Protein backbone atom coordinates (compact mmCIF):
# COMPACT_ATOMS: atom_id res chain seq x y z
CA MET A 1 21.69 -23.49 -67.04
CA ILE A 2 19.82 -22.66 -63.85
CA GLU A 3 18.07 -25.58 -62.16
CA GLY A 4 19.25 -27.98 -64.85
CA GLU A 5 20.55 -30.85 -62.75
CA GLY A 6 19.20 -34.37 -62.97
CA GLY A 7 17.46 -35.65 -66.05
CA LYS A 8 16.61 -32.11 -67.22
CA SER A 9 13.00 -33.13 -67.74
CA LEU A 10 10.00 -31.30 -66.31
CA ASP A 11 8.94 -34.50 -64.54
CA TYR A 12 12.32 -34.79 -62.78
CA TRP A 13 12.30 -31.08 -61.85
CA ARG A 14 8.76 -31.29 -60.39
CA ARG A 15 9.48 -34.43 -58.36
CA ALA A 16 12.75 -33.05 -57.00
CA HIS A 17 11.20 -29.73 -55.98
CA ILE A 18 8.06 -31.27 -54.51
CA ASN A 19 10.29 -33.53 -52.39
CA PHE A 20 12.45 -30.56 -51.33
CA PHE A 21 9.53 -28.31 -50.37
CA THR A 22 7.72 -31.17 -48.63
CA ARG A 23 10.76 -31.76 -46.37
CA GLU A 24 11.28 -28.05 -45.71
CA LEU A 25 7.65 -27.42 -44.85
CA GLU A 26 7.48 -30.43 -42.52
CA GLY A 27 10.19 -28.72 -40.46
CA ILE A 28 7.80 -25.86 -39.69
CA GLY A 29 4.68 -27.98 -39.32
CA ALA A 30 3.22 -27.11 -42.73
CA GLU A 31 2.17 -29.28 -45.64
CA PHE A 32 3.08 -28.90 -49.31
CA ASN A 33 0.42 -28.19 -51.88
CA GLU A 34 0.72 -26.93 -55.44
CA ASP A 35 -0.96 -23.62 -54.57
CA VAL A 36 1.99 -22.51 -52.39
CA LEU A 37 3.55 -19.34 -53.81
CA VAL A 38 7.25 -19.71 -54.56
CA VAL A 39 9.33 -16.64 -55.33
CA PHE A 40 12.45 -17.06 -57.43
CA GLU A 41 15.19 -14.44 -57.45
CA GLU A 42 18.38 -14.38 -59.45
CA PHE A 43 21.29 -12.16 -58.44
CA GLU A 44 24.29 -10.89 -60.34
CA VAL A 45 27.63 -10.25 -58.62
CA VAL A 46 28.57 -6.63 -59.35
CA PHE A 47 31.54 -6.31 -56.98
CA GLN A 48 33.86 -8.84 -55.41
CA PHE A 49 36.89 -8.36 -53.15
């Protein structure tokens, strides 16, 4: 499961991610708000040495 850590509830997921993005944005002098666009990408390994 992707992003399934913690209590696996939507409430837990939202709180954890709001806290994460708040800390990250503070580092660049920005402030979190729920209108911030977040892009999610998932990659598949197709070759490995």
